[in-house]
């Protein structure tokens, strides 16, 4: 449904480093960067835009990234924790959503609840 998403972060460099590390296992990296901020996504398609907003505290939100398989969810979680994220629900099935919902949740530098999710059956 969404083409891209952008939001301000109060700690630009910390947030950029966090998202780059957490999303690397999902095949994402810097696509564009300039004085307006950074566009992160798969090669050629920035889907997440971060811009510095140090004068405004961030309002925490939930953002979920699609993973191709459960191993990517596990790798996302490990990378996000290593990058300074705080655990908000380790990798695992969430059958309350649907039988194959496999996700992991981490709180990032600005308090955002960042998730990686795979909707496929184990295989």
PDB file of N, CA and C in Angstrom:
ATOM      1  N   UNK A   1       0.814  -1.180   0.000  1.00  0.00           N
ATOM      2  CA  UNK A   1       0.000   0.000   0.000  1.00  0.00           C
ATOM      3  C   UNK A   1       0.865   1.254   0.000  1.00  0.00           C
ATOM      4  N   UNK A   2       1.886   1.320   0.835  1.00  0.00           N
ATOM      5  CA  UNK A   2       2.725   2.511   0.908  1.00  0.00           C
ATOM      6  C   UNK A   2       3.850   2.439  -0.111  1.00  0.00           C
ATOM      7  N   UNK A   3       4.172   3.592  -0.670  1.00  0.00           N
ATOM      8  CA  UNK A   3       5.325   3.686  -1.552  1.00  0.00           C
ATOM      9  C   UNK A   3       6.576   3.997  -0.743  1.00  0.00           C
ATOM     10  N   UNK A   4       6.447   4.919   0.203  1.00  0.00           N
ATOM     11  CA  UNK A   4       7.549   5.243   1.094  1.00  0.00           C
ATOM     12  C   UNK A   4       7.009   5.919   2.344  1.00  0.00           C
ATOM     13  N   UNK A   5       7.858   5.992   3.353  1.00  0.00           N
ATOM     14  CA  UNK A   5       7.493   6.569   4.637  1.00  0.00           C
ATOM     15  C   UNK A   5       8.657   7.425   5.104  1.00  0.00           C
ATOM     16  N   UNK A   6       8.370   8.591   5.618  1.00  0.00           N
ATOM     17  CA  UNK A   6       9.418   9.455   6.131  1.00  0.00           C
ATOM     18  C   UNK A   6       9.019  10.061   7.457  1.00  0.00           C
ATOM     19  N   UNK A   7      10.013  10.249   8.330  1.00  0.00           N
ATOM     20  CA  UNK A   7       9.738  10.894   9.604  1.00  0.00           C
ATOM     21  C   UNK A   7      11.013  11.494  10.166  1.00  0.00           C
ATOM     22  N   UNK A   8      10.819  12.461  11.052  1.00  0.00           N
ATOM     23  CA  UNK A   8      11.943  13.109  11.711  1.00  0.00           C
ATOM     24  C   UNK A   8      12.423  12.297  12.895  1.00  0.00           C
ATOM     25  N   UNK A   9      13.729  12.389  13.145  1.00  0.00           N
ATOM     26  CA  UNK A   9      14.331  11.713  14.292  1.00  0.00           C
ATOM     27  C   UNK A   9      15.142  12.731  15.083  1.00  0.00           C
ATOM     28  N   UNK A  10      15.106  12.615  16.390  1.00  0.00           N
ATOM     29  CA  UNK A  10      15.799  13.599  17.213  1.00  0.00           C
ATOM     30  C   UNK A  10      17.296  13.319  17.307  1.00  0.00           C
ATOM     31  N   UNK A  11      17.700  12.091  17.021  1.00  0.00           N
ATOM     32  CA  UNK A  11      19.115  11.708  17.033  1.00  0.00           C
ATOM     33  C   UNK A  11      19.440  11.117  15.662  1.00  0.00           C
ATOM     34  N   UNK A  12      19.692  11.980  14.683  1.00  0.00           N
ATOM     35  CA  UNK A  12      19.831  11.560  13.287  1.00  0.00           C
ATOM     36  C   UNK A  12      20.898  10.484  13.091  1.00  0.00           C
ATOM     37  N   UNK A  13      22.124  10.742  13.521  1.00  0.00           N
ATOM     38  CA  UNK A  13      23.207   9.779  13.273  1.00  0.00           C
ATOM     39  C   UNK A  13      22.947   8.453  13.974  1.00  0.00           C
ATOM     40  N   UNK A  14      22.462   8.496  15.210  1.00  0.00           N
ATOM     41  CA  UNK A  14      22.158   7.258  15.939  1.00  0.00           C
ATOM     42  C   UNK A  14      21.025   6.499  15.259  1.00  0.00           C
ATOM     43  N   UNK A  15      19.998   7.214  14.828  1.00  0.00           N
ATOM     44  CA  UNK A  15      18.872   6.561  14.162  1.00  0.00           C
ATOM     45  C   UNK A  15      19.284   5.989  12.811  1.00  0.00           C
ATOM     46  N   UNK A  16      20.071   6.742  12.061  1.00  0.00           N
ATOM     47  CA  UNK A  16      20.555   6.250  10.767  1.00  0.00           C
ATOM     48  C   UNK A  16      21.371   4.973  10.972  1.00  0.00           C
ATOM     49  N   UNK A  17      22.291   4.983  11.917  1.00  0.00           N
ATOM     50  CA  UNK A  17      23.124   3.809  12.181  1.00  0.00           C
ATOM     51  C   UNK A  17      22.267   2.619  12.622  1.00  0.00           C
ATOM     52  N   UNK A  18      21.284   2.877  13.478  1.00  0.00           N
ATOM     53  CA  UNK A  18      20.396   1.810  13.952  1.00  0.00           C
ATOM     54  C   UNK A  18      19.628   1.181  12.795  1.00  0.00           C
ATOM     55  N   UNK A  19      18.960   2.003  11.992  1.00  0.00           N
ATOM     56  CA  UNK A  19      18.155   1.463  10.894  1.00  0.00           C
ATOM     57  C   UNK A  19      19.021   0.764   9.849  1.00  0.00           C
ATOM     58  N   UNK A  20      20.193   1.313   9.550  1.00  0.00           N
ATOM     59  CA  UNK A  20      21.078   0.649   8.587  1.00  0.00           C
ATOM     60  C   UNK A  20      21.490  -0.736   9.081  1.00  0.00           C
ATOM     61  N   UNK A  21      21.865  -0.834  10.345  1.00  0.00           N
ATOM     62  CA  UNK A  21      22.283  -2.126  10.896  1.00  0.00           C
ATOM     63  C   UNK A  21      21.106  -3.096  10.985  1.00  0.00           C
ATOM     64  N   UNK A  22      19.963  -2.623  11.472  1.00  0.00           N
ATOM     65  CA  UNK A  22      18.800  -3.495  11.658  1.00  0.00           C
ATOM     66  C   UNK A  22      18.221  -3.986  10.338  1.00  0.00           C
ATOM     67  N   UNK A  23      18.269  -3.150   9.306  1.00  0.00           N
ATOM     68  CA  UNK A  23      17.631  -3.501   8.036  1.00  0.00           C
ATOM     69  C   UNK A  23      18.583  -4.161   7.039  1.00  0.00           C
ATOM     70  N   UNK A  24      19.877  -4.182   7.333  1.00  0.00           N
ATOM     71  CA  UNK A  24      20.838  -4.834   6.440  1.00  0.00           C
ATOM     72  C   UNK A  24      20.470  -6.302   6.176  1.00  0.00           C
ATOM     73  N   UNK A  25      20.056  -7.080   7.196  1.00  0.00           N
ATOM     74  CA  UNK A  25      19.674  -8.467   6.926  1.00  0.00           C
ATOM     75  C   UNK A  25      18.459  -8.606   5.995  1.00  0.00           C
ATOM     76  N   UNK A  26      17.701  -7.532   5.834  1.00  0.00           N
ATOM     77  CA  UNK A  26      16.539  -7.546   4.941  1.00  0.00           C
ATOM     78  C   UNK A  26      16.894  -7.031   3.552  1.00  0.00           C
ATOM     79  N   UNK A  27      18.193  -6.814   3.297  1.00  0.00           N
ATOM     80  CA  UNK A  27      18.649  -6.372   1.980  1.00  0.00           C
ATOM     81  C   UNK A  27      18.541  -4.885   1.744  1.00  0.00           C
ATOM     82  N   UNK A  28      18.478  -4.095   2.817  1.00  0.00           N
ATOM     83  CA  UNK A  28      18.325  -2.651   2.674  1.00  0.00           C
ATOM     84  C   UNK A  28      19.591  -1.913   3.089  1.00  0.00           C
ATOM     85  N   UNK A  29      19.792  -0.756   2.481  1.00  0.00           N
ATOM     86  CA  UNK A  29      20.917   0.107   2.799  1.00  0.00           C
ATOM     87  C   UNK A  29      20.613   1.521   2.333  1.00  0.00           C
ATOM     88  N   UNK A  30      21.616   2.391   2.344  1.00  0.00           N
ATOM     89  CA  UNK A  30      21.422   3.771   1.883  1.00  0.00           C
ATOM     90  C   UNK A  30      21.246   3.769   0.372  1.00  0.00           C
ATOM     91  N   UNK A  31      20.167   4.386  -0.076  1.00  0.00           N
ATOM     92  CA  UNK A  31      19.906   4.549  -1.502  1.00  0.00           C
ATOM     93  C   UNK A  31      20.242   5.979  -1.912  1.00  0.00           C
ATOM     94  N   UNK A  32      19.894   6.933  -1.063  1.00  0.00           N
ATOM     95  CA  UNK A  32      20.165   8.351  -1.321  1.00  0.00           C
ATOM     96  C   UNK A  32      20.431   9.028   0.013  1.00  0.00           C
ATOM     97  N   UNK A  33      21.294  10.057  -0.018  1.00  0.00           N
ATOM     98  CA  UNK A  33      21.508  10.849   1.187  1.00  0.00           C
ATOM     99  C   UNK A  33      21.894  12.263   0.782  1.00  0.00           C
ATOM    100  N   UNK A  34      21.399  13.214   1.519  1.00  0.00           N
ATOM    101  CA  UNK A  34      21.693  14.610   1.250  1.00  0.00           C
ATOM    102  C   UNK A  34      21.386  15.447   2.462  1.00  0.00           C
ATOM    103  N   UNK A  35      21.398  16.766   2.313  1.00  0.00           N
ATOM    104  CA  UNK A  35      21.144  17.635   3.463  1.00  0.00           C
ATOM    105  C   UNK A  35      19.722  17.491   4.010  1.00  0.00           C
ATOM    106  N   UNK A  36      18.833  16.921   3.233  1.00  0.00           N
ATOM    107  CA  UNK A  36      17.440  16.719   3.647  1.00  0.00           C
ATOM    108  C   UNK A  36      17.272  15.430   4.431  1.00  0.00           C
ATOM    109  N   UNK A  37      18.266  14.526   4.418  1.00  0.00           N
ATOM    110  CA  UNK A  37      18.149  13.285   5.173  1.00  0.00           C
ATOM    111  C   UNK A  37      18.668  12.101   4.390  1.00  0.00           C
ATOM    112  N   UNK A  38      18.213  10.924   4.772  1.00  0.00           N
ATOM    113  CA  UNK A  38      18.678   9.686   4.162  1.00  0.00           C
ATOM    114  C   UNK A  38      17.491   8.835   3.738  1.00  0.00           C
ATOM    115  N   UNK A  39      17.616   8.237   2.550  1.00  0.00           N
ATOM    116  CA  UNK A  39      16.623   7.300   2.043  1.00  0.00           C
ATOM    117  C   UNK A  39      17.195   5.898   2.107  1.00  0.00           C
ATOM    118  N   UNK A  40      16.520   5.015   2.817  1.00  0.00           N
ATOM    119  CA  UNK A  40      16.973   3.641   3.030  1.00  0.00           C
ATOM    120  C   UNK A  40      15.999   2.694   2.354  1.00  0.00           C
ATOM    121  N   UNK A  41      16.533   1.654   1.732  1.00  0.00           N
ATOM    122  CA  UNK A  41      15.674   0.661   1.102  1.00  0.00           C
ATOM    123  C   UNK A  41      16.499  -0.347   0.331  1.00  0.00           C
ATOM    124  N   UNK A  42      15.820  -1.171  -0.466  1.00  0.00           N
ATOM    125  CA  UNK A  42      16.568  -2.074  -1.343  1.00  0.00           C
ATOM    126  C   UNK A  42      17.209  -1.245  -2.457  1.00  0.00           C
ATOM    127  N   UNK A  43      18.206  -1.792  -3.148  1.00  0.00           N
ATOM    128  CA  UNK A  43      18.882  -1.022  -4.196  1.00  0.00           C
ATOM    129  C   UNK A  43      17.892  -0.360  -5.162  1.00  0.00           C
ATOM    130  N   UNK A  44      18.055   0.956  -5.338  1.00  0.00           N
ATOM    131  CA  UNK A  44      17.239   1.707  -6.287  1.00  0.00           C
ATOM    132  C   UNK A  44      15.880   2.146  -5.792  1.00  0.00           C
ATOM    133  N   UNK A  45      15.478   1.778  -4.560  1.00  0.00           N
ATOM    134  CA  UNK A  45      14.130   2.127  -4.096  1.00  0.00           C
ATOM    135  C   UNK A  45      14.124   2.527  -2.623  1.00  0.00           C
ATOM    136  N   UNK A  46      14.362   3.806  -2.324  1.00  0.00           N
ATOM    137  CA  UNK A  46      14.280   4.226  -0.928  1.00  0.00           C
ATOM    138  C   UNK A  46      12.834   4.180  -0.444  1.00  0.00           C
ATOM    139  N   UNK A  47      12.588   3.414   0.588  1.00  0.00           N
ATOM    140  CA  UNK A  47      11.235   3.302   1.128  1.00  0.00           C
ATOM    141  C   UNK A  47      11.085   3.940   2.493  1.00  0.00           C
ATOM    142  N   UNK A  48      12.216   4.146   3.165  1.00  0.00           N
ATOM    143  CA  UNK A  48      12.220   4.761   4.492  1.00  0.00           C
ATOM    144  C   UNK A  48      13.103   5.994   4.437  1.00  0.00           C
ATOM    145  N   UNK A  49      12.521   7.137   4.790  1.00  0.00           N
ATOM    146  CA  UNK A  49      13.250   8.399   4.792  1.00  0.00           C
ATOM    147  C   UNK A  49      13.345   8.915   6.215  1.00  0.00           C
ATOM    148  N   UNK A  50      14.570   9.254   6.634  1.00  0.00           N
ATOM    149  CA  UNK A  50      14.795   9.846   7.947  1.00  0.00           C
ATOM    150  C   UNK A  50      15.363  11.237   7.755  1.00  0.00           C
ATOM    151  N   UNK A  51      14.868  12.185   8.526  1.00  0.00           N
ATOM    152  CA  UNK A  51      15.459  13.524   8.504  1.00  0.00           C
ATOM    153  C   UNK A  51      15.636  14.013   9.938  1.00  0.00           C
ATOM    154  N   UNK A  52      16.648  14.843  10.131  1.00  0.00           N
ATOM    155  CA  UNK A  52      16.956  15.359  11.460  1.00  0.00           C
ATOM    156  C   UNK A  52      15.853  16.294  11.925  1.00  0.00           C
ATOM    157  N   UNK A  53      15.433  16.084  13.143  1.00  0.00           N
ATOM    158  CA  UNK A  53      14.434  16.935  13.762  1.00  0.00           C
ATOM    159  C   UNK A  53      14.760  17.064  15.255  1.00  0.00           C
ATOM    160  N   UNK A  54      15.956  17.614  15.564  1.00  0.00           N
ATOM    161  CA  UNK A  54      16.415  17.634  16.958  1.00  0.00           C
ATOM    162  C   UNK A  54      15.596  18.539  17.873  1.00  0.00           C
ATOM    163  N   UNK A  55      14.877  19.495  17.310  1.00  0.00           N
ATOM    164  CA  UNK A  55      14.115  20.423  18.139  1.00  0.00           C
ATOM    165  C   UNK A  55      12.725  19.907  18.490  1.00  0.00           C
ATOM    166  N   UNK A  56      12.342  18.756  17.921  1.00  0.00           N
ATOM    167  CA  UNK A  56      11.017  18.192  18.195  1.00  0.00           C
ATOM    168  C   UNK A  56      11.186  16.762  18.701  1.00  0.00           C
ATOM    169  N   UNK A  57      10.659  16.477  19.884  1.00  0.00           N
ATOM    170  CA  UNK A  57      10.754  15.094  20.362  1.00  0.00           C
ATOM    171  C   UNK A  57       9.941  14.167  19.448  1.00  0.00           C
ATOM    172  N   UNK A  58      10.473  12.988  19.225  1.00  0.00           N
ATOM    173  CA  UNK A  58       9.794  12.020  18.371  1.00  0.00           C
ATOM    174  C   UNK A  58       8.568  11.467  19.078  1.00  0.00           C
ATOM    175  N   UNK A  59       7.516  11.269  18.315  1.00  0.00           N
ATOM    176  CA  UNK A  59       6.321  10.596  18.818  1.00  0.00           C
ATOM    177  C   UNK A  59       6.453   9.139  18.393  1.00  0.00           C
ATOM    178  N   UNK A  60       6.615   8.224  19.348  1.00  0.00           N
ATOM    179  CA  UNK A  60       6.834   6.828  18.975  1.00  0.00           C
ATOM    180  C   UNK A  60       5.722   6.270  18.098  1.00  0.00           C
ATOM    181  N   UNK A  61       6.135   5.481  17.127  1.00  0.00           N
ATOM    182  CA  UNK A  61       5.191   4.832  16.227  1.00  0.00           C
ATOM    183  C   UNK A  61       5.647   3.402  15.994  1.00  0.00           C
ATOM    184  N   UNK A  62       4.794   2.641  15.344  1.00  0.00           N
ATOM    185  CA  UNK A  62       5.115   1.259  14.992  1.00  0.00           C
ATOM    186  C   UNK A  62       5.364   1.200  13.491  1.00  0.00           C
ATOM    187  N   UNK A  63       6.474   0.569  13.112  1.00  0.00           N
ATOM    188  CA  UNK A  63       6.785   0.400  11.697  1.00  0.00           C
ATOM    189  C   UNK A  63       7.264  -1.029  11.505  1.00  0.00           C
ATOM    190  N   UNK A  64       6.689  -1.729  10.532  1.00  0.00           N
ATOM    191  CA  UNK A  64       7.032  -3.130  10.285  1.00  0.00           C
ATOM    192  C   UNK A  64       7.605  -3.287   8.884  1.00  0.00           C
ATOM    193  N   UNK A  65       8.676  -4.078   8.798  1.00  0.00           N
ATOM    194  CA  UNK A  65       9.331  -4.358   7.532  1.00  0.00           C
ATOM    195  C   UNK A  65       9.111  -5.819   7.173  1.00  0.00           C
ATOM    196  N   UNK A  66       8.815  -6.066   5.909  1.00  0.00           N
ATOM    197  CA  UNK A  66       8.566  -7.416   5.440  1.00  0.00           C
ATOM    198  C   UNK A  66       9.879  -8.173   5.275  1.00  0.00           C
ATOM    199  N   UNK A  67       9.916  -9.369   5.820  1.00  0.00           N
ATOM    200  CA  UNK A  67      11.064 -10.261   5.670  1.00  0.00           C
ATOM    201  C   UNK A  67      10.690 -11.383   4.717  1.00  0.00           C
ATOM    202  N   UNK A  68      11.655 -11.868   3.961  1.00  0.00           N
ATOM    203  CA  UNK A  68      11.405 -12.933   2.992  1.00  0.00           C
ATOM    204  C   UNK A  68      11.215 -14.284   3.661  1.00  0.00           C
ATOM    205  N   UNK A  69      11.814 -14.443   4.853  1.00  0.00           N
ATOM    206  CA  UNK A  69      11.709 -15.722   5.552  1.00  0.00           C
ATOM    207  C   UNK A  69      11.977 -15.490   7.036  1.00  0.00           C
ATOM    208  N   UNK A  70      11.806 -16.538   7.822  1.00  0.00           N
ATOM    209  CA  UNK A  70      11.981 -16.420   9.270  1.00  0.00           C
ATOM    210  C   UNK A  70      13.433 -16.164   9.660  1.00  0.00           C
ATOM    211  N   UNK A  71      14.362 -16.687   8.881  1.00  0.00           N
ATOM    212  CA  UNK A  71      15.780 -16.437   9.171  1.00  0.00           C
ATOM    213  C   UNK A  71      16.097 -14.944   9.071  1.00  0.00           C
ATOM    214  N   UNK A  72      15.473 -14.239   8.138  1.00  0.00           N
ATOM    215  CA  UNK A  72      15.683 -12.789   8.030  1.00  0.00           C
ATOM    216  C   UNK A  72      15.133 -12.070   9.262  1.00  0.00           C
ATOM    217  N   UNK A  73      14.002 -12.536   9.785  1.00  0.00           N
ATOM    218  CA  UNK A  73      13.447 -11.943  11.009  1.00  0.00           C
ATOM    219  C   UNK A  73      14.443 -12.121  12.151  1.00  0.00           C
ATOM    220  N   UNK A  74      14.982 -13.335  12.284  1.00  0.00           N
ATOM    221  CA  UNK A  74      15.963 -13.608  13.332  1.00  0.00           C
ATOM    222  C   UNK A  74      17.198 -12.721  13.175  1.00  0.00           C
ATOM    223  N   UNK A  75      17.681 -12.577  11.936  1.00  0.00           N
ATOM    224  CA  UNK A  75      18.868 -11.762  11.671  1.00  0.00           C
ATOM    225  C   UNK A  75      18.593 -10.279  11.938  1.00  0.00           C
ATOM    226  N   UNK A  76      17.404  -9.806  11.560  1.00  0.00           N
ATOM    227  CA  UNK A  76      17.001  -8.426  11.858  1.00  0.00           C
ATOM    228  C   UNK A  76      17.074  -8.175  13.357  1.00  0.00           C
ATOM    229  N   UNK A  77      16.469  -9.074  14.129  1.00  0.00           N
ATOM    230  CA  UNK A  77      16.416  -8.906  15.578  1.00  0.00           C
ATOM    231  C   UNK A  77      17.830  -8.850  16.169  1.00  0.00           C
ATOM    232  N   UNK A  78      18.678  -9.783  15.785  1.00  0.00           N
ATOM    233  CA  UNK A  78      20.047  -9.815  16.291  1.00  0.00           C
ATOM    234  C   UNK A  78      20.800  -8.537  15.926  1.00  0.00           C
ATOM    235  N   UNK A  79      20.657  -8.087  14.680  1.00  0.00           N
ATOM    236  CA  UNK A  79      21.343  -6.875  14.226  1.00  0.00           C
ATOM    237  C   UNK A  79      20.804  -5.638  14.939  1.00  0.00           C
ATOM    238  N   UNK A  80      19.487  -5.567  15.137  1.00  0.00           N
ATOM    239  CA  UNK A  80      18.890  -4.406  15.797  1.00  0.00           C
ATOM    240  C   UNK A  80      19.317  -4.322  17.261  1.00  0.00           C
ATOM    241  N   UNK A  81      19.367  -5.456  17.947  1.00  0.00           N
ATOM    242  CA  UNK A  81      19.810  -5.470  19.336  1.00  0.00           C
ATOM    243  C   UNK A  81      21.293  -5.081  19.407  1.00  0.00           C
ATOM    244  N   UNK A  82      22.099  -5.631  18.502  1.00  0.00           N
ATOM    245  CA  UNK A  82      23.529  -5.298  18.474  1.00  0.00           C
ATOM    246  C   UNK A  82      23.755  -3.818  18.187  1.00  0.00           C
ATOM    247  N   UNK A  83      22.819  -3.189  17.464  1.00  0.00           N
ATOM    248  CA  UNK A  83      22.928  -1.774  17.116  1.00  0.00           C
ATOM    249  C   UNK A  83      22.379  -0.859  18.214  1.00  0.00           C
ATOM    250  N   UNK A  84      21.987  -1.438  19.344  1.00  0.00           N
ATOM    251  CA  UNK A  84      21.529  -0.626  20.471  1.00  0.00           C
ATOM    252  C   UNK A  84      20.036  -0.622  20.699  1.00  0.00           C
ATOM    253  N   UNK A  85      19.285  -1.385  19.900  1.00  0.00           N
ATOM    254  CA  UNK A  85      17.843  -1.472  20.104  1.00  0.00           C
ATOM    255  C   UNK A  85      17.518  -2.210  21.391  1.00  0.00           C
ATOM    256  N   UNK A  86      16.319  -1.959  21.899  1.00  0.00           N
ATOM    257  CA  UNK A  86      15.859  -2.625  23.120  1.00  0.00           C
ATOM    258  C   UNK A  86      14.789  -3.659  22.749  1.00  0.00           C
ATOM    259  N   UNK A  87      14.910  -4.821  23.335  1.00  0.00           N
ATOM    260  CA  UNK A  87      13.956  -5.894  23.066  1.00  0.00           C
ATOM    261  C   UNK A  87      12.523  -5.451  23.359  1.00  0.00           C
ATOM    262  N   UNK A  88      11.632  -5.767  22.422  1.00  0.00           N
ATOM    263  CA  UNK A  88      10.210  -5.509  22.626  1.00  0.00           C
ATOM    264  C   UNK A  88       9.401  -6.726  22.176  1.00  0.00           C
ATOM    265  N   UNK A  89      10.057  -7.869  22.102  1.00  0.00           N
ATOM    266  CA  UNK A  89       9.412  -9.117  21.693  1.00  0.00           C
ATOM    267  C   UNK A  89      10.293  -9.843  20.701  1.00  0.00           C
ATOM    268  N   UNK A  90      11.017 -10.835  21.167  1.00  0.00           N
ATOM    269  CA  UNK A  90      11.949 -11.571  20.322  1.00  0.00           C
ATOM    270  C   UNK A  90      11.278 -12.340  19.209  1.00  0.00           C
ATOM    271  N   UNK A  91      12.071 -12.885  18.295  1.00  0.00           N
ATOM    272  CA  UNK A  91      11.532 -13.620  17.160  1.00  0.00           C
ATOM    273  C   UNK A  91      10.645 -14.780  17.606  1.00  0.00           C
ATOM    274  N   UNK A  92       9.522 -14.897  16.950  1.00  0.00           N
ATOM    275  CA  UNK A  92       8.623 -16.000  17.257  1.00  0.00           C
ATOM    276  C   UNK A  92       7.294 -15.858  16.557  1.00  0.00           C
ATOM    277  N   UNK A  93       6.525 -16.933  16.641  1.00  0.00           N
ATOM    278  CA  UNK A  93       5.182 -16.930  16.069  1.00  0.00           C
ATOM    279  C   UNK A  93       4.261 -16.058  16.910  1.00  0.00           C
ATOM    280  N   UNK A  94       3.368 -15.366  16.249  1.00  0.00           N
ATOM    281  CA  UNK A  94       2.333 -14.563  16.898  1.00  0.00           C
ATOM    282  C   UNK A  94       0.986 -15.066  16.350  1.00  0.00           C
ATOM    283  N   UNK A  95       0.527 -16.242  16.811  1.00  0.00           N
ATOM    284  CA  UNK A  95      -0.693 -16.838  16.248  1.00  0.00           C
ATOM    285  C   UNK A  95      -1.947 -16.014  16.505  1.00  0.00           C
ATOM    286  N   UNK A  96      -1.887 -15.054  17.423  1.00  0.00           N
ATOM    287  CA  UNK A  96      -3.038 -14.182  17.636  1.00  0.00           C
ATOM    288  C   UNK A  96      -3.323 -13.325  16.400  1.00  0.00           C
ATOM    289  N   UNK A  97      -2.312 -13.141  15.528  1.00  0.00           N
ATOM    290  CA  UNK A  97      -2.491 -12.379  14.290  1.00  0.00           C
ATOM    291  C   UNK A  97      -2.911 -13.312  13.161  1.00  0.00           C
ATOM    292  N   UNK A  98      -2.164 -14.385  12.948  1.00  0.00           N
ATOM    293  CA  UNK A  98      -2.533 -15.492  12.071  1.00  0.00           C
ATOM    294  C   UNK A  98      -1.514 -16.608  12.291  1.00  0.00           C
ATOM    295  N   UNK A  99      -1.814 -17.840  11.882  1.00  0.00           N
ATOM    296  CA  UNK A  99      -0.967 -18.984  12.235  1.00  0.00           C
ATOM    297  C   UNK A  99       0.492 -18.887  11.793  1.00  0.00           C
ATOM    298  N   UNK A 100       0.791 -18.174  10.716  1.00  0.00           N
ATOM    299  CA  UNK A 100       2.161 -18.108  10.207  1.00  0.00           C
ATOM    300  C   UNK A 100       2.856 -16.774  10.474  1.00  0.00           C
ATOM    301  N   UNK A 101       2.263 -15.921  11.303  1.00  0.00           N
ATOM    302  CA  UNK A 101       2.846 -14.608  11.589  1.00  0.00           C
ATOM    303  C   UNK A 101       4.073 -14.797  12.467  1.00  0.00           C
ATOM    304  N   UNK A 102       5.257 -14.559  11.889  1.00  0.00           N
ATOM    305  CA  UNK A 102       6.519 -14.711  12.600  1.00  0.00           C
ATOM    306  C   UNK A 102       7.192 -13.354  12.618  1.00  0.00           C
ATOM    307  N   UNK A 103       7.302 -12.761  13.788  1.00  0.00           N
ATOM    308  CA  UNK A 103       7.848 -11.414  13.869  1.00  0.00           C
ATOM    309  C   UNK A 103       8.784 -11.221  15.041  1.00  0.00           C
ATOM    310  N   UNK A 104       9.479 -10.101  15.020  1.00  0.00           N
ATOM    311  CA  UNK A 104      10.353  -9.675  16.103  1.00  0.00           C
ATOM    312  C   UNK A 104      10.235  -8.162  16.230  1.00  0.00           C
ATOM    313  N   UNK A 105      10.292  -7.669  17.462  1.00  0.00           N
ATOM    314  CA  UNK A 105      10.061  -6.259  17.752  1.00  0.00           C
ATOM    315  C   UNK A 105      11.214  -5.682  18.571  1.00  0.00           C
ATOM    316  N   UNK A 106      11.662  -4.483  18.184  1.00  0.00           N
ATOM    317  CA  UNK A 106      12.761  -3.801  18.868  1.00  0.00           C
ATOM    318  C   UNK A 106      12.413  -2.317  18.972  1.00  0.00           C
ATOM    319  N   UNK A 107      12.738  -1.714  20.105  1.00  0.00           N
ATOM    320  CA  UNK A 107      12.558  -0.268  20.272  1.00  0.00           C
ATOM    321  C   UNK A 107      13.846   0.424  19.829  1.00  0.00           C
ATOM    322  N   UNK A 108      13.717   1.345  18.868  1.00  0.00           N
ATOM    323  CA  UNK A 108      14.862   2.069  18.327  1.00  0.00           C
ATOM    324  C   UNK A 108      15.215   3.313  19.128  1.00  0.00           C
ATOM    325  N   UNK A 109      16.205   4.083  18.666  1.00  0.00           N
ATOM    326  CA  UNK A 109      16.727   5.237  19.406  1.00  0.00           C
ATOM    327  C   UNK A 109      15.695   6.297  19.764  1.00  0.00           C
ATOM    328  N   UNK A 110      14.686   6.492  18.930  1.00  0.00           N
ATOM    329  CA  UNK A 110      13.669   7.510  19.215  1.00  0.00           C
ATOM    330  C   UNK A 110      12.409   6.921  19.833  1.00  0.00           C
ATOM    331  N   UNK A 111      12.467   5.665  20.264  1.00  0.00           N
ATOM    332  CA  UNK A 111      11.313   5.042  20.905  1.00  0.00           C
ATOM    333  C   UNK A 111      10.350   4.371  19.947  1.00  0.00           C
ATOM    334  N   UNK A 112      10.698   4.319  18.655  1.00  0.00           N
ATOM    335  CA  UNK A 112       9.816   3.667  17.683  1.00  0.00           C
ATOM    336  C   UNK A 112       9.877   2.154  17.851  1.00  0.00           C
ATOM    337  N   UNK A 113       8.734   1.508  17.734  1.00  0.00           N
ATOM    338  CA  UNK A 113       8.620   0.061  17.783  1.00  0.00           C
ATOM    339  C   UNK A 113       8.847  -0.456  16.365  1.00  0.00           C
ATOM    340  N   UNK A 114      10.014  -1.025  16.125  1.00  0.00           N
ATOM    341  CA  UNK A 114      10.410  -1.463  14.788  1.00  0.00           C
ATOM    342  C   UNK A 114      10.300  -2.977  14.735  1.00  0.00           C
ATOM    343  N   UNK A 115       9.661  -3.471  13.686  1.00  0.00           N
ATOM    344  CA  UNK A 115       9.378  -4.909  13.545  1.00  0.00           C
ATOM    345  C   UNK A 115       9.841  -5.420  12.194  1.00  0.00           C
ATOM    346  N   UNK A 116      10.245  -6.668  12.177  1.00  0.00           N
ATOM    347  CA  UNK A 116      10.402  -7.419  10.928  1.00  0.00           C
ATOM    348  C   UNK A 116       9.424  -8.575  11.035  1.00  0.00           C
ATOM    349  N   UNK A 117       8.738  -8.870   9.931  1.00  0.00           N
ATOM    350  CA  UNK A 117       7.715  -9.918   9.948  1.00  0.00           C
ATOM    351  C   UNK A 117       7.749 -10.741   8.677  1.00  0.00           C
ATOM    352  N   UNK A 118       7.541 -12.030   8.851  1.00  0.00           N
ATOM    353  CA  UNK A 118       7.383 -12.959   7.730  1.00  0.00           C
ATOM    354  C   UNK A 118       6.012 -13.602   7.885  1.00  0.00           C
ATOM    355  N   UNK A 119       5.240 -13.628   6.807  1.00  0.00           N
ATOM    356  CA  UNK A 119       3.886 -14.191   6.850  1.00  0.00           C
ATOM    357  C   UNK A 119       3.823 -15.594   6.269  1.00  0.00           C
ATOM    358  N   UNK A 120       4.952 -16.136   5.892  1.00  0.00           N
ATOM    359  CA  UNK A 120       4.999 -17.450   5.246  1.00  0.00           C
ATOM    360  C   UNK A 120       5.155 -18.573   6.255  1.00  0.00           C
ATOM    361  N   UNK A 121       4.654 -19.744   5.907  1.00  0.00           N
ATOM    362  CA  UNK A 121       4.859 -20.926   6.735  1.00  0.00           C
ATOM    363  C   UNK A 121       6.339 -21.310   6.695  1.00  0.00           C
ATOM    364  N   UNK A 122       6.803 -21.923   7.779  1.00  0.00           N
ATOM    365  CA  UNK A 122       8.193 -22.380   7.827  1.00  0.00           C
ATOM    366  C   UNK A 122       8.415 -23.355   6.682  1.00  0.00           C
ATOM    367  N   UNK A 123       9.542 -23.224   5.995  1.00  0.00           N
ATOM    368  CA  UNK A 123       9.770 -24.157   4.907  1.00  0.00           C
ATOM    369  C   UNK A 123      11.099 -24.036   4.275  1.00  0.00           C
TER     370      UNK A 123
END
